[in-house]
Amino acid sequence: IGGGAVAVRSSAIGEDSADASFAGQYETILNVEGDDELVKAIEHCLHSIQSVHAAAYKNDKKSGEAVEMAVVVQEMVPATVAGVLFTADPVTNSRQQIVIDAVSGLGEKLVSGEATPDHYVLDRSGKLLEQDLCGSKPLLTDKQIQKLLKDALNAEEQMGFPLDMEWAIDSDGDLYWLQARPITTLGADL
């Protein structure tokens, strides 16, 4: 590979549309190093389109139409903290609240359910409405929270709909956006 560890991620056509989020249906392989391991990871990711759970979800959401798979190879971010951000609250359906979940290290611990996150709820102006911490200190600084909010609201404005976004922050404090997709589970804004 030449540049260090990479992440191999699925990128199926229609994978994350306004009607369906295939989050977790296809494989993502992290910390891949070396050409042989990269080839294996790409093949594994491509074959995940044929998994039983992905096929069942696809049939439910897409009426059985064929799906084509590609992969994205991204440089691994040596994350000290990572997580997800929703530009609308997926639980309450409020378009006025932003939800941030953060874990130490890689975000895979969060999406797999391995770690309980710090949980932050903000209004769109950036005011902190709720903060539930797992440790004695917050994983995110106020400055990092505001940077996440600003970037996410900008992305939402450009895309035109509420987003579910994955992010990571490295030891230098640099923020990396890893993925963005529509929130497909929103009902009416109560």
Protein backbone atom coordinates (compact mmCIF):
# COMPACT_ATOMS: atom_id res chain seq x y z
CA ILE A 1 0.00 0.00 0.00
CA GLY A 2 2.90 2.30 0.77
CA GLY A 3 1.24 4.91 3.01
CA GLY A 4 0.31 2.95 6.10
CA ALA A 5 -2.92 1.40 7.26
CA VAL A 6 -6.17 1.88 5.36
CA ALA A 7 -9.87 1.22 5.81
CA VAL A 8 -11.70 -0.75 3.12
CA ARG A 9 -15.37 0.29 3.02
CA SER A 10 -18.36 -0.76 0.95
CA SER A 11 -19.81 1.65 -1.57
CA ALA A 12 -22.77 -0.04 -3.22
CA ILE A 13 -24.88 1.95 -5.65
CA GLY A 14 -27.92 3.17 -3.73
CA GLU A 15 -26.39 1.95 -0.46
CA ASP A 16 -27.27 5.10 1.46
CA SER A 17 -30.26 6.70 -0.22
CA ALA A 18 -33.06 8.81 1.16
CA ASP A 19 -35.14 5.64 1.53
CA ALA A 20 -32.64 3.14 2.93
CA SER A 21 -29.44 3.18 4.94
CA PHE A 22 -27.39 0.05 4.53
CA ALA A 23 -25.25 0.99 7.55
CA GLY A 24 -23.77 -2.20 8.97
CA GLN A 25 -25.09 -4.43 6.20
CA TYR A 26 -21.85 -4.65 4.23
CA GLU A 27 -18.34 -5.20 5.57
CA THR A 28 -15.79 -2.58 6.53
CA ILE A 29 -12.27 -3.78 7.23
CA LEU A 30 -10.02 -1.50 9.29
CA ASN A 31 -6.24 -1.25 9.75
CA VAL A 32 -5.38 -3.08 6.53
CA GLU A 33 -1.64 -3.08 5.81
CA GLY A 34 0.24 -4.57 2.87
CA ASP A 35 -0.79 -5.43 -0.68
CA ASP A 36 -1.87 -9.02 0.03
CA GLU A 37 -4.05 -7.96 2.96
CA LEU A 38 -5.55 -5.15 0.86
CA VAL A 39 -6.58 -7.59 -1.87
CA LYS A 40 -8.13 -9.93 0.73
CA ALA A 41 -9.98 -7.04 2.38
CA ILE A 42 -11.37 -5.79 -0.94
CA GLU A 43 -12.55 -9.30 -1.86
CA HIS A 44 -14.14 -9.76 1.57
CA CYS A 45 -15.91 -6.40 1.30
CA LEU A 46 -17.16 -7.17 -2.23
CA HIS A 47 -18.47 -10.59 -1.17
CA SER A 48 -20.40 -9.08 1.73
CA ILE A 49 -23.08 -8.01 -0.75
CA GLN A 50 -24.10 -11.67 -0.80
CA SER A 51 -24.47 -12.06 2.97
CA VAL A 52 -27.82 -13.32 4.25
CA HIS A 53 -28.59 -10.21 6.33
CA ALA A 54 -27.60 -7.80 3.51
CA ALA A 55 -29.73 -9.71 1.01
CA ALA A 56 -32.73 -9.68 3.34
CA TYR A 57 -32.38 -5.93 3.95
CA LYS A 58 -31.89 -5.27 0.23
CA ASN A 59 -35.00 -7.28 -0.66
CA ASP A 60 -37.02 -5.42 1.96
CA LYS A 61 -35.87 -1.96 0.82
CA LYS A 62 -35.21 -2.40 -2.88
CA SER A 63 -37.78 -4.98 -3.97
CA GLY A 64 -35.05 -7.38 -5.01
CA GLU A 65 -33.40 -5.22 -7.69
CA ALA A 66 -29.73 -5.97 -8.35
CA VAL A 67 -27.15 -3.94 -6.43
CA GLU A 68 -23.64 -3.29 -7.68
CA MET A 69 -20.76 -3.04 -5.22
CA ALA A 70 -17.58 -1.02 -5.30
CA VAL A 71 -15.22 -0.26 -2.44
CA VAL A 72 -13.56 2.84 -1.08
CA VAL A 73 -10.05 2.61 0.32
CA GLN A 74 -9.40 5.38 2.85
CA GLU A 75 -6.29 6.21 4.82
CA MET A 76 -6.85 5.22 8.45
CA VAL A 77 -7.16 8.12 10.83
CA PRO A 78 -5.24 7.37 14.04
CA ALA A 79 -8.22 8.50 16.07
CA THR A 80 -7.98 9.48 19.69
CA VAL A 81 -11.74 10.07 19.67
CA ALA A 82 -14.37 9.22 17.06
CA GLY A 83 -18.08 8.90 16.68
CA VAL A 84 -21.28 9.81 14.90
CA LEU A 85 -23.25 13.01 14.55
CA PHE A 86 -26.90 13.37 13.55
CA THR A 87 -28.09 16.76 12.27
CA ALA A 88 -31.58 15.84 13.52
CA ASP A 89 -32.38 13.79 16.61
CA PRO A 90 -33.16 10.26 15.34
CA VAL A 91 -34.99 9.39 18.58
CA THR A 92 -37.24 12.42 19.04
CA ASN A 93 -37.28 13.36 15.32
CA SER A 94 -36.48 16.97 16.28
CA ARG A 95 -34.85 18.89 13.45
CA GLN A 96 -33.85 21.51 16.05
CA GLN A 97 -31.45 19.20 17.91
CA ILE A 98 -28.02 17.88 16.94
CA VAL A 99 -26.84 14.61 18.52
CA ILE A 100 -23.16 13.72 18.92
CA ASP A 101 -21.92 10.38 20.27
CA ALA A 102 -18.19 9.98 20.96
CA VAL A 103 -15.90 7.14 22.05
CA SER A 104 -12.16 7.04 22.66
CA GLY A 105 -10.18 5.49 19.81
CA LEU A 106 -11.82 4.21 16.65
CA GLY A 107 -15.51 4.73 15.98
CA GLU A 108 -15.92 1.02 15.25
CA LYS A 109 -16.30 0.51 19.02
CA LEU A 110 -19.39 2.73 18.89
CA VAL A 111 -21.10 1.35 15.79
CA SER A 112 -20.48 -2.25 16.89
CA GLY A 113 -21.95 -1.55 20.34
CA GLU A 114 -18.67 -2.47 22.05
CA ALA A 115 -18.41 0.89 23.86
CA THR A 116 -20.94 3.22 25.44
CA PRO A 117 -20.40 6.76 24.14
CA ASP A 118 -20.35 10.19 25.64
CA HIS A 119 -23.67 11.62 24.44
CA TYR A 120 -24.20 15.29 23.62
CA VAL A 121 -27.38 17.04 22.47
CA LEU A 122 -27.18 20.60 21.17
CA ASP A 123 -29.57 23.05 19.62
CA ARG A 124 -28.71 24.40 16.17
CA SER A 125 -27.14 27.54 17.68
CA GLY A 126 -24.61 25.38 19.53
CA LYS A 127 -26.10 25.56 23.01
CA LEU A 128 -25.46 22.33 24.93
CA LEU A 129 -28.82 20.91 26.01
CA GLU A 130 -27.72 17.54 27.37
CA GLN A 131 -24.42 15.82 28.20
CA ASP A 132 -24.15 12.22 29.40
CA LEU A 133 -20.55 11.19 30.03
CA CYS A 134 -19.16 7.69 30.45
CA GLY A 135 -16.05 8.82 32.28
CA SER A 136 -15.13 11.58 34.68
CA LYS A 137 -14.03 13.91 31.85
CA PRO A 138 -15.74 14.65 28.53
CA LEU A 139 -14.09 13.12 25.48
CA LEU A 140 -14.74 16.27 23.44
CA THR A 141 -13.76 19.84 24.23
CA ASP A 142 -16.23 22.68 23.73
CA LYS A 143 -14.14 23.81 20.73
CA GLN A 144 -14.32 20.33 19.14
CA ILE A 145 -18.09 20.15 19.70
CA GLN A 146 -18.57 23.53 18.03
CA LYS A 147 -16.34 22.52 15.07
CA LEU A 148 -18.33 19.31 14.61
CA LEU A 149 -21.58 21.27 14.73
CA LYS A 150 -20.43 23.96 12.29
CA ASP A 151 -19.12 21.47 9.71
CA ALA A 152 -22.19 19.23 10.01
CA LEU A 153 -24.67 22.06 9.58
CA ASN A 154 -22.72 23.26 6.55
CA ALA A 155 -22.84 19.74 5.04
CA GLU A 156 -26.56 19.46 5.78
CA GLU A 157 -27.20 22.80 4.07
CA GLN A 158 -25.26 21.69 1.00
CA MET A 159 -27.00 18.29 0.83
CA GLY A 160 -30.48 19.59 1.62
CA PHE A 161 -31.52 16.94 4.16
CA PRO A 162 -30.65 15.72 7.69
CA LEU A 163 -27.42 13.70 7.86
CA ASP A 164 -25.93 10.80 9.80
CA MET A 165 -22.18 11.47 9.78
CA GLU A 166 -19.12 9.56 10.97
CA TRP A 167 -16.04 11.47 12.13
CA ALA A 168 -12.66 11.04 13.83
CA ILE A 169 -10.23 13.36 15.59
CA ASP A 170 -6.51 12.52 15.69
CA SER A 171 -3.92 13.27 18.37
CA ASP A 172 -3.16 16.64 16.76
CA GLY A 173 -6.81 17.62 17.17
CA ASP A 174 -7.52 17.48 13.43
CA LEU A 175 -11.09 16.55 12.50
CA TYR A 176 -11.75 14.07 9.68
CA TRP A 177 -15.19 13.38 8.22
CA LEU A 178 -15.33 9.72 7.21
CA GLN A 179 -18.82 9.30 5.82
CA ALA A 180 -22.17 11.06 5.51
CA ARG A 181 -25.54 9.60 4.59
CA PRO A 182 -29.19 10.64 4.88
CA ILE A 183 -31.02 9.83 8.12
CA THR A 184 -33.67 7.42 6.86
CA THR A 185 -35.56 6.80 10.09
CA LEU A 186 -36.95 10.27 10.73
CA GLY A 187 -40.66 10.63 11.26
CA ALA A 188 -42.56 13.86 11.76
CA ASP A 189 -40.75 16.51 13.82
CA LEU A 190 -42.64 16.49 17.12
